[in-house]
Amino acid sequence: MTGADLIDVARDAIFTLLIVASPVMAVALFVGLIIALFQALTQIQEMTLTFVPKIIAIFLSLLVFMPFMGATLGSFMERIAARIVGG
């Protein structure tokens, strides 16, 4: 494996990581923004108010996006296996 091949694999791995993690991170960002806006409007500064809805939203988004995440990681593994077999 040459240096260029290693850079291609690393680039593909980072791109796959971003694709897999972005839906869950976007949901967490959106829920956090809504909660922060709610706290600013109502002057409620409860610490558990920030964590519990985010945890629930992230769990639900993981359930929804898990097939997409699995398919993306599976295709990445197929590309890596094809590289290994191809030499």
N, C-alpha and C. Protein backbone atom coordinates (compact mmCIF):
# COMPACT_ATOMS: atom_id res chain seq x y z
N MET A 1 0.85 -1.17 0.00
CA MET A 1 0.00 0.00 0.00
C MET A 1 0.89 1.23 0.00
N THR A 2 0.65 2.09 -0.95
CA THR A 2 1.45 3.31 -1.07
C THR A 2 0.85 4.40 -0.19
N GLY A 3 1.57 5.49 -0.14
CA GLY A 3 1.09 6.63 0.65
C GLY A 3 -0.19 7.22 0.10
N ALA A 4 -0.33 7.23 -1.23
CA ALA A 4 -1.55 7.76 -1.84
C ALA A 4 -2.76 6.88 -1.51
N ASP A 5 -2.55 5.55 -1.48
CA ASP A 5 -3.64 4.65 -1.11
C ASP A 5 -4.07 4.87 0.34
N LEU A 6 -3.10 5.08 1.19
CA LEU A 6 -3.40 5.32 2.60
C LEU A 6 -4.19 6.62 2.78
N ILE A 7 -3.82 7.64 2.04
CA ILE A 7 -4.55 8.91 2.12
C ILE A 7 -5.96 8.75 1.59
N ASP A 8 -6.13 7.97 0.51
CA ASP A 8 -7.47 7.72 -0.02
C ASP A 8 -8.35 6.99 0.98
N VAL A 9 -7.80 5.98 1.65
CA VAL A 9 -8.57 5.24 2.65
C VAL A 9 -8.92 6.14 3.83
N ALA A 10 -7.98 6.95 4.27
CA ALA A 10 -8.24 7.85 5.40
C ALA A 10 -9.29 8.89 5.02
N ARG A 11 -9.21 9.42 3.81
CA ARG A 11 -10.19 10.40 3.35
C ARG A 11 -11.58 9.77 3.28
N ASP A 12 -11.65 8.55 2.75
CA ASP A 12 -12.93 7.85 2.66
C ASP A 12 -13.49 7.57 4.05
N ALA A 13 -12.62 7.21 4.99
CA ALA A 13 -13.07 6.92 6.36
C ALA A 13 -13.60 8.19 7.04
N ILE A 14 -12.93 9.30 6.86
CA ILE A 14 -13.38 10.55 7.48
C ILE A 14 -14.69 11.01 6.85
N PHE A 15 -14.81 10.89 5.53
CA PHE A 15 -16.04 11.27 4.85
C PHE A 15 -17.20 10.38 5.31
N THR A 16 -16.96 9.09 5.46
CA THR A 16 -18.00 8.17 5.94
C THR A 16 -18.39 8.52 7.37
N LEU A 17 -17.42 8.84 8.20
CA LEU A 17 -17.71 9.25 9.58
C LEU A 17 -18.61 10.47 9.61
N LEU A 18 -18.32 11.45 8.78
CA LEU A 18 -19.15 12.66 8.74
C LEU A 18 -20.56 12.36 8.27
N ILE A 19 -20.69 11.50 7.26
CA ILE A 19 -22.01 11.15 6.76
C ILE A 19 -22.82 10.38 7.80
N VAL A 20 -22.17 9.48 8.52
CA VAL A 20 -22.87 8.66 9.51
C VAL A 20 -23.26 9.49 10.74
N ALA A 21 -22.40 10.37 11.18
CA ALA A 21 -22.66 11.10 12.42
C ALA A 21 -23.51 12.36 12.23
N SER A 22 -23.58 12.89 11.03
CA SER A 22 -24.25 14.18 10.84
C SER A 22 -25.76 14.17 11.13
N PRO A 23 -26.54 13.14 10.79
CA PRO A 23 -27.96 13.23 11.13
C PRO A 23 -28.23 13.31 12.63
N VAL A 24 -27.52 12.52 13.42
CA VAL A 24 -27.72 12.53 14.87
C VAL A 24 -27.24 13.86 15.46
N MET A 25 -26.11 14.35 14.96
CA MET A 25 -25.61 15.64 15.45
C MET A 25 -26.54 16.78 15.08
N ALA A 26 -27.15 16.72 13.91
CA ALA A 26 -28.09 17.76 13.50
C ALA A 26 -29.32 17.76 14.39
N VAL A 27 -29.81 16.58 14.74
CA VAL A 27 -30.96 16.49 15.65
C VAL A 27 -30.59 17.05 17.02
N ALA A 28 -29.41 16.70 17.53
CA ALA A 28 -28.97 17.22 18.83
C ALA A 28 -28.82 18.73 18.80
N LEU A 29 -28.29 19.26 17.70
CA LEU A 29 -28.14 20.71 17.57
C LEU A 29 -29.49 21.40 17.54
N PHE A 30 -30.42 20.85 16.78
CA PHE A 30 -31.75 21.46 16.68
C PHE A 30 -32.48 21.43 18.01
N VAL A 31 -32.45 20.30 18.70
CA VAL A 31 -33.12 20.19 20.00
C VAL A 31 -32.45 21.11 21.02
N GLY A 32 -31.14 21.19 21.00
CA GLY A 32 -30.44 22.09 21.91
C GLY A 32 -30.78 23.55 21.66
N LEU A 33 -30.93 23.90 20.39
CA LEU A 33 -31.31 25.28 20.05
C LEU A 33 -32.72 25.60 20.52
N ILE A 34 -33.63 24.66 20.32
CA ILE A 34 -35.00 24.87 20.78
C ILE A 34 -35.06 24.99 22.30
N ILE A 35 -34.32 24.15 23.01
CA ILE A 35 -34.32 24.20 24.47
C ILE A 35 -33.69 25.50 24.96
N ALA A 36 -32.62 25.93 24.32
CA ALA A 36 -31.98 27.19 24.72
C ALA A 36 -32.91 28.38 24.49
N LEU A 37 -33.64 28.34 23.39
CA LEU A 37 -34.61 29.41 23.11
C LEU A 37 -35.73 29.39 24.15
N PHE A 38 -36.21 28.20 24.50
CA PHE A 38 -37.24 28.07 25.52
C PHE A 38 -36.75 28.59 26.87
N GLN A 39 -35.50 28.25 27.22
CA GLN A 39 -34.96 28.72 28.50
C GLN A 39 -34.77 30.23 28.50
N ALA A 40 -34.37 30.79 27.37
CA ALA A 40 -34.18 32.24 27.32
C ALA A 40 -35.52 32.98 27.40
N LEU A 41 -36.54 32.40 26.81
CA LEU A 41 -37.84 33.07 26.83
C LEU A 41 -38.54 32.96 28.17
N THR A 42 -38.37 31.85 28.87
CA THR A 42 -39.09 31.64 30.12
C THR A 42 -38.25 31.91 31.36
N GLN A 43 -36.98 32.15 31.21
CA GLN A 43 -36.07 32.39 32.34
C GLN A 43 -35.95 31.17 33.26
N ILE A 44 -36.22 29.98 32.75
CA ILE A 44 -36.06 28.75 33.53
C ILE A 44 -34.64 28.26 33.28
N GLN A 45 -33.86 28.10 34.34
CA GLN A 45 -32.47 27.67 34.21
C GLN A 45 -32.25 26.32 34.89
N GLU A 46 -33.12 25.39 34.62
CA GLU A 46 -33.00 24.05 35.19
C GLU A 46 -31.99 23.25 34.38
N MET A 47 -31.03 22.62 35.06
CA MET A 47 -29.97 21.89 34.36
C MET A 47 -30.49 20.63 33.69
N THR A 48 -31.44 19.94 34.33
CA THR A 48 -31.94 18.70 33.73
C THR A 48 -32.79 18.98 32.50
N LEU A 49 -33.28 20.17 32.36
CA LEU A 49 -34.09 20.52 31.19
C LEU A 49 -33.26 20.46 29.91
N THR A 50 -31.97 20.67 30.00
CA THR A 50 -31.13 20.62 28.80
C THR A 50 -30.75 19.20 28.42
N PHE A 51 -30.59 18.32 29.40
CA PHE A 51 -30.07 16.99 29.10
C PHE A 51 -31.14 15.96 28.73
N VAL A 52 -32.23 15.94 29.44
CA VAL A 52 -33.23 14.88 29.24
C VAL A 52 -33.85 14.94 27.83
N PRO A 53 -34.31 16.08 27.35
CA PRO A 53 -34.86 16.09 25.98
C PRO A 53 -33.82 15.76 24.91
N LYS A 54 -32.59 16.19 25.11
CA LYS A 54 -31.54 15.86 24.15
C LYS A 54 -31.26 14.37 24.11
N ILE A 55 -31.21 13.74 25.27
CA ILE A 55 -30.95 12.30 25.32
C ILE A 55 -32.09 11.55 24.64
N ILE A 56 -33.32 11.94 24.89
CA ILE A 56 -34.46 11.28 24.26
C ILE A 56 -34.45 11.50 22.75
N ALA A 57 -34.16 12.73 22.32
CA ALA A 57 -34.13 13.02 20.88
C ALA A 57 -33.00 12.26 20.19
N ILE A 58 -31.85 12.17 20.81
CA ILE A 58 -30.74 11.43 20.21
C ILE A 58 -31.06 9.95 20.14
N PHE A 59 -31.67 9.40 21.18
CA PHE A 59 -32.05 7.99 21.16
C PHE A 59 -33.05 7.71 20.04
N LEU A 60 -34.05 8.56 19.90
CA LEU A 60 -35.04 8.37 18.84
C LEU A 60 -34.43 8.55 17.46
N SER A 61 -33.53 9.51 17.32
CA SER A 61 -32.88 9.70 16.02
C SER A 61 -31.97 8.52 15.67
N LEU A 62 -31.35 7.92 16.68
CA LEU A 62 -30.56 6.71 16.43
C LEU A 62 -31.44 5.57 15.94
N LEU A 63 -32.63 5.44 16.52
CA LEU A 63 -33.55 4.40 16.06
C LEU A 63 -33.99 4.66 14.62
N VAL A 64 -34.23 5.91 14.29
CA VAL A 64 -34.70 6.24 12.94
C VAL A 64 -33.59 6.11 11.90
N PHE A 65 -32.39 6.59 12.23
CA PHE A 65 -31.31 6.63 11.25
C PHE A 65 -30.41 5.39 11.26
N MET A 66 -30.68 4.42 12.12
CA MET A 66 -29.82 3.25 12.21
C MET A 66 -29.73 2.46 10.90
N PRO A 67 -30.81 2.25 10.15
CA PRO A 67 -30.65 1.54 8.87
C PRO A 67 -29.74 2.29 7.89
N PHE A 68 -29.88 3.60 7.83
CA PHE A 68 -29.01 4.40 6.96
C PHE A 68 -27.56 4.31 7.42
N MET A 69 -27.34 4.39 8.72
CA MET A 69 -25.98 4.34 9.25
C MET A 69 -25.35 2.97 8.99
N GLY A 70 -26.14 1.92 9.18
CA GLY A 70 -25.63 0.58 8.93
C GLY A 70 -25.30 0.35 7.46
N ALA A 71 -26.16 0.84 6.58
CA ALA A 71 -25.90 0.69 5.14
C ALA A 71 -24.65 1.46 4.72
N THR A 72 -24.47 2.64 5.26
CA THR A 72 -23.30 3.44 4.92
C THR A 72 -22.02 2.78 5.42
N LEU A 73 -22.04 2.29 6.65
CA LEU A 73 -20.85 1.61 7.18
C LEU A 73 -20.60 0.29 6.47
N GLY A 74 -21.66 -0.40 6.07
CA GLY A 74 -21.50 -1.64 5.32
C GLY A 74 -20.87 -1.41 3.96
N SER A 75 -21.29 -0.34 3.27
CA SER A 75 -20.68 -0.04 1.97
C SER A 75 -19.23 0.39 2.14
N PHE A 76 -18.93 1.08 3.23
CA PHE A 76 -17.53 1.44 3.49
C PHE A 76 -16.68 0.18 3.70
N MET A 77 -17.22 -0.77 4.45
CA MET A 77 -16.49 -2.02 4.68
C MET A 77 -16.29 -2.79 3.39
N GLU A 78 -17.30 -2.77 2.51
CA GLU A 78 -17.15 -3.43 1.21
C GLU A 78 -16.05 -2.78 0.38
N ARG A 79 -15.97 -1.46 0.42
CA ARG A 79 -14.90 -0.77 -0.31
C ARG A 79 -13.52 -1.12 0.25
N ILE A 80 -13.42 -1.18 1.57
CA ILE A 80 -12.15 -1.54 2.21
C ILE A 80 -11.78 -2.99 1.87
N ALA A 81 -12.76 -3.91 1.92
CA ALA A 81 -12.49 -5.31 1.59
C ALA A 81 -12.08 -5.45 0.14
N ALA A 82 -12.69 -4.69 -0.75
CA ALA A 82 -12.32 -4.74 -2.18
C ALA A 82 -10.89 -4.24 -2.36
N ARG A 83 -10.49 -3.24 -1.60
CA ARG A 83 -9.11 -2.74 -1.66
C ARG A 83 -8.12 -3.80 -1.18
N ILE A 84 -8.50 -4.50 -0.10
CA ILE A 84 -7.61 -5.53 0.44
C ILE A 84 -7.45 -6.67 -0.56
N VAL A 85 -8.57 -7.11 -1.14
CA VAL A 85 -8.51 -8.21 -2.10
C VAL A 85 -7.78 -7.79 -3.37
N GLY A 86 -8.04 -6.55 -3.81
CA GLY A 86 -7.43 -6.07 -5.03
C GLY A 86 -5.94 -5.81 -4.90
N GLY A 87 -5.50 -5.59 -3.72
CA GLY A 87 -4.07 -5.40 -3.49
C GLY A 87 -3.72 -4.01 -3.57
